[in-house]
Amino acid sequence: MIRKDAHLIPKPFDPKIEQKPTRDGYGVGVVEAAKADSRVVVLCADLTESTRNLDFKKFFPDRFVQMGVQEQLLAALGAGMALAGKIPFITSYAMFCPGRAWEQVRTNICLNNVNVKVIGSHAGVSVGPDGATHQAIEDIAIMRVIPNMTVIAPCDAIEARKATVAAARLEGPCYLRFAREKTPVFTTDATPFEIGKATVLRDGKDVALIACGPLVYKALRAADELAKRDRIQCMVVNSHTVKPLDEATILAAADRCRAVVTVEEHQITGGLGGAIAEFLTKTRPTPIEFIGVQNRFGESGPPNELIEHFGMGVSHIKAAVKTAMARKRAGRLSLSTIMSKLRGVKTS
């Protein structure tokens, strides 16, 4: 069943909307999780402030471990602490963990199916001036492919807090992806969040916009503008959990709209778009357009300019919606022609 929760979020064109980085939500959430469960510990790779672990260190100094620049040991030690009964949150920039520590995440954490939470901060091109070396735009793909791993990309700071608390309660490996740049806080405390359950933020019948991370807000803005100016009604789905996908909601969206546009600040190969394409190919073949990084490395620049430069802005989402609709219409015409020929009716 499709849940319609649009009444729980502000309008996407609200000029006074608050902005915070999703990493801030993690910082609040991990303290909340630690207060609820004494097994929660944090391991940090020399980036305490950047990864928003300062409050945790302040409140729980005996449960905070500063590893230094040793991301591979960070993952290995996290696995050992989990085997000893702790709930470790291992934290660094996403480019370094899981990036540099991928083999340890795969073998020490996931092969053993231990209860470690991998926190990848500063993901996406919106890291900005740090450039290609620090812009993790492949991290969803390398995490999604590992058995036992849950992958979550929260859409705003409030959802990031909820995801962090929920991950602490989840048994097993989990990757949470956070951004450095401030982005709109558009969900509320009342907006539903459950790992593995996508949220329909806006109903529509023409095209399903399925997004994750802070670009969910841009999908909402695109849907609002298309409705006002083009009378195109887009459904907007926040698929915050990339693995496991909420297959029931994705399938319902595809059935209702018959066209899909995926939106993510990640390579289009192997990310949310790839996961949805894999699923729909075998269950409900559907025209799909992909908004994301198109097989390129990142570049240095202001975050918002980079989003536009790499084709992930509102205008690009709107264009993809129109392309998906055209493909849907073409498919219907082709089917009509085939059916007419099967009936022996001449077509012009």
Protein backbone atom coordinates (compact mmCIF):
# COMPACT_ATOMS: atom_id res chain seq x y z
CA MET A 1 0.00 0.00 0.00
CA ILE A 2 1.26 3.49 -0.86
CA ARG A 3 1.54 5.81 2.13
CA LYS A 4 0.88 9.48 1.50
CA ASP A 5 2.69 11.63 4.03
CA ALA A 6 2.90 14.95 2.18
CA HIS A 7 0.93 16.70 4.92
CA LEU A 8 3.82 16.07 7.31
CA ILE A 9 6.41 18.17 5.43
CA PRO A 10 6.68 21.87 4.54
CA LYS A 11 6.01 23.04 1.00
CA PRO A 12 9.15 22.60 -1.12
CA PHE A 13 9.14 26.26 -2.15
CA ASP A 14 9.22 27.59 1.43
CA PRO A 15 11.88 30.39 1.29
CA LYS A 16 12.38 30.29 5.07
CA ILE A 17 13.12 26.60 5.33
CA GLU A 18 15.85 25.68 7.82
CA GLN A 19 19.08 24.22 6.43
CA LYS A 20 21.47 21.83 8.16
CA PRO A 21 23.90 19.15 6.97
CA THR A 22 22.66 15.60 7.38
CA ARG A 23 25.85 14.84 9.37
CA ASP A 24 24.40 17.07 12.12
CA GLY A 25 21.51 14.65 12.46
CA TYR A 26 23.96 11.82 12.99
CA GLY A 27 25.70 13.76 15.78
CA VAL A 28 22.42 14.18 17.64
CA GLY A 29 21.24 10.66 16.92
CA VAL A 30 24.35 8.82 18.09
CA VAL A 31 24.17 10.57 21.48
CA GLU A 32 20.49 9.63 21.72
CA ALA A 33 21.31 6.02 20.82
CA ALA A 34 24.11 5.91 23.41
CA LYS A 35 21.83 7.19 26.16
CA ALA A 36 19.39 4.40 25.35
CA ASP A 37 21.97 1.61 25.07
CA SER A 38 25.26 1.43 26.99
CA ARG A 39 26.72 -0.88 24.33
CA VAL A 40 26.98 1.97 21.80
CA VAL A 41 30.57 3.10 21.24
CA VAL A 42 32.13 5.43 18.64
CA LEU A 43 35.44 4.94 16.85
CA CYS A 44 36.80 7.91 14.90
CA ALA A 45 39.59 8.25 12.33
CA ASP A 46 40.98 11.65 13.36
CA LEU A 47 37.90 13.60 12.20
CA THR A 48 35.99 14.14 15.42
CA GLU A 49 34.49 17.54 14.58
CA SER A 50 33.92 16.92 10.87
CA THR A 51 32.04 13.69 11.53
CA ARG A 52 30.04 15.34 14.32
CA ASN A 53 31.34 13.20 17.17
CA LEU A 54 32.27 16.05 19.54
CA ASP A 55 29.10 15.75 21.63
CA PHE A 56 29.46 11.99 21.91
CA LYS A 57 33.06 12.43 23.06
CA LYS A 58 31.92 15.02 25.61
CA PHE A 59 29.08 12.95 27.08
CA PHE A 60 30.69 9.50 26.80
CA PRO A 61 34.49 9.92 26.90
CA ASP A 62 34.99 6.34 28.09
CA ARG A 63 33.04 5.03 25.07
CA PHE A 64 34.90 7.10 22.46
CA VAL A 65 38.05 5.81 20.71
CA GLN A 66 40.24 8.10 18.63
CA MET A 67 41.99 5.84 16.12
CA GLY A 68 44.01 8.37 14.16
CA VAL A 69 44.33 8.03 10.39
CA GLN A 70 43.94 4.24 10.32
CA GLU A 71 40.68 3.51 8.49
CA GLN A 72 41.42 -0.18 7.89
CA LEU A 73 42.18 -0.74 11.56
CA LEU A 74 39.05 1.31 12.35
CA ALA A 75 36.90 -1.31 10.59
CA ALA A 76 38.82 -4.28 11.97
CA LEU A 77 38.69 -3.02 15.56
CA GLY A 78 35.01 -2.20 15.13
CA ALA A 79 34.38 -5.81 14.12
CA GLY A 80 36.28 -7.06 17.17
CA MET A 81 34.34 -4.81 19.53
CA ALA A 82 31.07 -6.00 17.99
CA LEU A 83 32.11 -9.61 18.56
CA ALA A 84 32.70 -8.62 22.20
CA GLY A 85 29.12 -7.38 22.49
CA LYS A 86 29.44 -3.67 21.71
CA ILE A 87 27.57 -1.66 19.05
CA PRO A 88 30.39 0.25 17.33
CA PHE A 89 29.81 3.26 15.09
CA ILE A 90 32.95 3.60 12.96
CA THR A 91 33.23 7.07 11.47
CA SER A 92 35.21 8.84 8.78
CA TYR A 93 34.77 10.51 5.41
CA ALA A 94 32.95 8.10 3.09
CA MET A 95 35.89 8.19 0.68
CA PHE A 96 38.09 6.66 3.40
CA CYS A 97 35.58 4.48 5.23
CA PRO A 98 34.13 2.56 3.50
CA GLY A 99 36.37 3.59 0.58
CA ARG A 100 39.87 2.82 1.86
CA ALA A 101 38.63 0.21 4.33
CA TRP A 102 36.36 -1.70 1.94
CA GLU A 103 38.12 -5.06 2.28
CA GLN A 104 37.94 -4.91 6.08
CA VAL A 105 34.28 -3.88 5.92
CA ARG A 106 33.60 -6.80 3.58
CA THR A 107 35.60 -9.49 5.39
CA ASN A 108 35.83 -8.51 9.05
CA ILE A 109 32.36 -6.98 9.35
CA CYS A 110 30.01 -8.41 6.74
CA LEU A 111 31.41 -11.90 6.25
CA ASN A 112 31.14 -12.34 10.02
CA ASN A 113 27.79 -10.50 10.02
CA VAL A 114 28.76 -8.47 13.07
CA ASN A 115 26.86 -5.52 14.50
CA VAL A 116 28.96 -2.58 13.20
CA LYS A 117 27.52 0.71 11.92
CA VAL A 118 29.67 2.30 9.19
CA ILE A 119 29.25 6.08 9.06
CA GLY A 120 30.33 7.64 5.76
CA SER A 121 30.37 11.43 6.10
CA HIS A 122 31.06 14.02 3.37
CA ALA A 123 29.53 11.87 0.62
CA GLY A 124 28.62 13.16 -2.84
CA VAL A 125 29.94 16.00 -5.00
CA SER A 126 28.50 18.57 -2.58
CA VAL A 127 31.66 18.16 -0.49
CA GLY A 128 32.62 20.99 -2.83
CA PRO A 129 36.15 22.46 -2.86
CA ASP A 130 37.77 19.25 -1.53
CA GLY A 131 37.43 17.89 -5.06
CA ALA A 132 37.42 14.49 -6.72
CA THR A 133 39.73 12.75 -4.23
CA HIS A 134 37.29 13.41 -1.36
CA GLN A 135 33.96 13.19 -3.20
CA ALA A 136 32.57 9.72 -2.55
CA ILE A 137 30.17 9.06 -5.41
CA GLU A 138 30.70 5.29 -5.58
CA ASP A 139 30.08 4.39 -1.93
CA ILE A 140 26.47 3.19 -2.26
CA ALA A 141 27.56 0.79 -5.00
CA ILE A 142 30.45 -0.73 -3.05
CA MET A 143 28.33 -1.11 0.09
CA ARG A 144 25.20 -2.37 -1.62
CA VAL A 145 27.03 -5.24 -3.27
CA ILE A 146 28.21 -6.79 0.03
CA PRO A 147 25.96 -9.48 1.55
CA ASN A 148 24.46 -8.70 4.99
CA MET A 149 24.92 -4.92 4.57
CA THR A 150 22.00 -2.49 5.01
CA VAL A 151 22.44 0.84 3.16
CA ILE A 152 20.68 4.07 4.19
CA ALA A 153 20.91 7.59 2.71
CA PRO A 154 18.76 9.99 4.82
CA CYS A 155 17.14 12.97 3.10
CA ASP A 156 17.66 15.62 5.80
CA ALA A 157 19.05 16.17 9.30
CA ILE A 158 15.88 15.03 11.07
CA GLU A 159 15.74 11.80 9.11
CA ALA A 160 19.49 11.34 9.70
CA ARG A 161 18.88 11.43 13.45
CA LYS A 162 16.08 8.88 13.14
CA ALA A 163 18.20 6.65 10.90
CA THR A 164 21.10 6.71 13.37
CA VAL A 165 18.88 5.73 16.29
CA ALA A 166 17.20 3.02 14.20
CA ALA A 167 20.55 1.67 13.02
CA ALA A 168 21.70 1.25 16.63
CA ARG A 169 18.65 -0.96 17.22
CA LEU A 170 19.14 -2.94 14.00
CA GLU A 171 21.08 -6.17 14.38
CA GLY A 172 23.81 -6.52 11.77
CA PRO A 173 26.06 -4.37 9.55
CA CYS A 174 24.69 -1.03 8.39
CA TYR A 175 26.06 1.80 6.25
CA LEU A 176 24.72 5.33 6.79
CA ARG A 177 25.61 8.00 4.23
CA PHE A 178 25.77 11.66 5.27
CA ALA A 179 26.56 14.95 3.54
CA ARG A 180 28.79 17.84 4.54
CA GLU A 181 26.82 20.72 3.00
CA LYS A 182 23.75 22.35 4.56
CA THR A 183 20.51 21.25 2.87
CA PRO A 184 16.81 21.90 3.58
CA VAL A 185 15.28 20.27 6.66
CA PHE A 186 11.88 19.43 5.25
CA THR A 187 10.66 16.40 7.18
CA THR A 188 9.33 16.68 10.72
CA ASP A 189 9.50 14.61 13.88
CA ALA A 190 6.11 13.19 12.87
CA THR A 191 7.22 12.05 9.39
CA PRO A 192 7.38 8.23 9.42
CA PHE A 193 10.78 6.55 9.26
CA GLU A 194 11.46 2.84 9.28
CA ILE A 195 14.47 1.07 7.85
CA GLY A 196 13.40 -0.72 4.68
CA LYS A 197 10.15 1.28 4.28
CA ALA A 198 10.12 4.03 1.66
CA THR A 199 7.92 7.07 2.25
CA VAL A 200 5.62 8.56 -0.39
CA LEU A 201 5.87 12.31 0.12
CA ARG A 202 3.66 13.31 -2.82
CA ASP A 203 1.12 11.36 -4.83
CA GLY A 204 0.88 11.50 -8.61
CA LYS A 205 0.01 9.39 -11.63
CA ASP A 206 2.31 10.52 -14.47
CA VAL A 207 5.87 9.73 -13.34
CA ALA A 208 7.33 8.35 -10.11
CA LEU A 209 10.33 10.29 -8.82
CA ILE A 210 12.24 7.90 -6.56
CA ALA A 211 15.05 9.62 -4.69
CA CYS A 212 17.40 9.28 -1.74
CA GLY A 213 19.54 11.66 0.29
CA PRO A 214 19.24 15.46 0.18
CA LEU A 215 18.21 15.39 -3.49
CA VAL A 216 14.78 14.21 -2.34
CA TYR A 217 14.06 17.90 -1.70
CA LYS A 218 15.00 18.80 -5.27
CA ALA A 219 12.68 16.05 -6.49
CA LEU A 220 9.86 17.62 -4.49
CA ARG A 221 10.63 21.05 -5.96
CA ALA A 222 10.68 19.61 -9.48
CA ALA A 223 7.34 17.88 -8.88
CA ASP A 224 5.81 21.11 -7.57
CA GLU A 225 6.98 23.13 -10.59
CA LEU A 226 5.86 20.49 -13.08
CA ALA A 227 2.40 20.40 -11.50
CA LYS A 228 2.04 24.20 -11.67
CA ARG A 229 3.50 24.86 -15.10
CA ASP A 230 3.02 21.68 -17.09
CA ARG A 231 0.12 19.93 -15.32
CA ILE A 232 2.33 16.88 -14.84
CA GLN A 233 1.59 15.05 -11.61
CA CYS A 234 4.64 13.30 -10.17
CA MET A 235 4.67 10.90 -7.30
CA VAL A 236 7.71 11.52 -5.06
CA VAL A 237 9.10 8.57 -3.12
CA ASN A 238 11.82 8.94 -0.48
CA SER A 239 13.68 5.64 -0.80
CA HIS A 240 16.05 6.35 2.08
CA THR A 241 16.87 2.66 2.43
CA VAL A 242 18.71 1.65 -0.73
CA LYS A 243 19.24 -1.88 0.57
CA PRO A 244 16.96 -3.60 1.25
CA LEU A 245 14.64 -1.79 -1.17
CA ASP A 246 11.01 -1.37 -0.22
CA GLU A 247 9.94 -3.50 -3.16
CA ALA A 248 6.22 -3.23 -2.44
CA THR A 249 6.24 0.58 -2.57
CA ILE A 250 8.53 0.69 -5.62
CA LEU A 251 6.31 -1.77 -7.45
CA ALA A 252 3.15 0.14 -6.52
CA ALA A 253 4.72 3.37 -7.79
CA ALA A 254 5.72 1.73 -11.08
CA ASP A 255 2.26 0.24 -11.52
CA ARG A 256 0.55 3.58 -10.90
CA CYS A 257 2.81 5.82 -12.98
CA ARG A 258 4.27 3.47 -15.62
CA ALA A 259 7.40 5.62 -15.74
CA VAL A 260 10.18 6.24 -13.21
CA VAL A 261 12.96 8.77 -12.67
CA THR A 262 15.58 7.93 -10.04
CA VAL A 263 17.43 10.77 -8.30
CA GLU A 264 20.65 10.43 -6.28
CA GLU A 265 23.94 12.25 -5.62
CA HIS A 266 25.96 9.23 -6.69
CA GLN A 267 27.12 7.48 -9.82
CA ILE A 268 24.11 6.22 -11.73
CA THR A 269 25.94 2.87 -11.96
CA GLY A 270 25.34 0.70 -8.94
CA GLY A 271 23.42 3.17 -6.81
CA LEU A 272 19.72 3.64 -6.10
CA GLY A 273 18.91 3.81 -9.81
CA GLY A 274 20.72 0.57 -10.47
CA ALA A 275 18.93 -1.16 -7.59
CA ILE A 276 15.52 -0.04 -8.84
CA ALA A 277 16.32 -0.99 -12.43
CA GLU A 278 17.44 -4.46 -11.34
CA PHE A 279 14.22 -4.96 -9.40
CA LEU A 280 11.79 -3.60 -12.01
CA THR A 281 13.48 -5.43 -14.89
CA LYS A 282 12.44 -8.75 -13.41
CA THR A 283 9.10 -7.70 -11.95
CA ARG A 284 7.61 -4.83 -13.98
CA PRO A 285 9.67 -3.56 -16.98
CA THR A 286 9.23 0.22 -16.89
CA PRO A 287 10.79 3.22 -18.69
CA ILE A 288 13.42 4.62 -16.31
CA GLU A 289 15.54 7.77 -16.48
CA PHE A 290 18.51 8.25 -14.13
CA ILE A 291 19.56 11.47 -12.40
CA GLY A 292 23.03 11.20 -10.89
CA VAL A 293 26.70 11.44 -11.82
CA GLN A 294 27.17 10.14 -15.35
CA ASN A 295 30.35 8.02 -15.22
CA ARG A 296 32.63 10.91 -14.23
CA PHE A 297 34.85 11.88 -11.34
CA GLY A 298 34.00 14.89 -9.22
CA GLU A 299 35.50 18.38 -9.44
CA SER A 300 36.27 21.22 -7.05
CA GLY A 301 33.72 24.00 -6.74
CA PRO A 302 30.84 25.46 -4.72
CA PRO A 303 28.44 22.66 -3.71
CA ASN A 304 25.30 24.04 -5.35
CA GLU A 305 27.16 24.79 -8.57
CA LEU A 306 28.50 21.25 -8.65
CA ILE A 307 25.00 19.80 -8.29
CA GLU A 308 23.97 21.78 -11.37
CA HIS A 309 27.21 21.06 -13.24
CA PHE A 310 26.75 17.33 -12.82
CA GLY A 311 23.12 17.40 -13.98
CA MET A 312 21.34 16.85 -10.66
CA GLY A 313 19.43 20.12 -10.30
CA VAL A 314 15.71 20.77 -10.44
CA SER A 315 15.79 21.62 -14.15
CA HIS A 316 17.54 18.33 -14.93
CA ILE A 317 14.96 16.35 -12.94
CA LYS A 318 12.14 18.10 -14.81
CA ALA A 319 13.74 17.29 -18.17
CA ALA A 320 14.14 13.64 -17.17
CA VAL A 321 10.45 13.49 -16.18
CA LYS A 322 9.43 14.72 -19.63
CA THR A 323 11.72 12.19 -21.30
CA ALA A 324 10.27 9.38 -19.20
CA MET A 325 6.74 10.48 -20.12
CA ALA A 326 7.63 10.52 -23.82
CA ARG A 327 9.05 7.01 -23.55
CA LYS A 328 5.91 5.88 -21.77
CA ARG A 329 3.71 7.30 -24.54
CA ALA A 330 5.89 5.75 -27.23
CA GLY A 331 5.62 2.39 -25.53
CA ARG A 332 1.84 2.64 -25.43
CA LEU A 333 1.72 3.54 -29.13
CA SER A 334 3.98 0.63 -30.00
CA LEU A 335 1.82 -1.76 -27.99
CA SER A 336 -1.30 -0.40 -29.67
CA THR A 337 0.25 -0.97 -33.10
CA ILE A 338 1.27 -4.52 -32.23
CA MET A 339 -2.19 -5.37 -30.87
CA SER A 340 -3.86 -3.90 -33.96
CA LYS A 341 -1.68 -6.00 -36.24
CA LEU A 342 -2.42 -9.11 -34.21
CA ARG A 343 -6.13 -8.41 -34.72
CA GLY A 344 -5.64 -7.89 -38.44
CA VAL A 345 -6.42 -4.18 -38.28
CA LYS A 346 -4.42 -1.88 -40.59
CA THR A 347 -2.70 1.03 -38.86
CA SER A 348 -1.73 4.35 -40.42
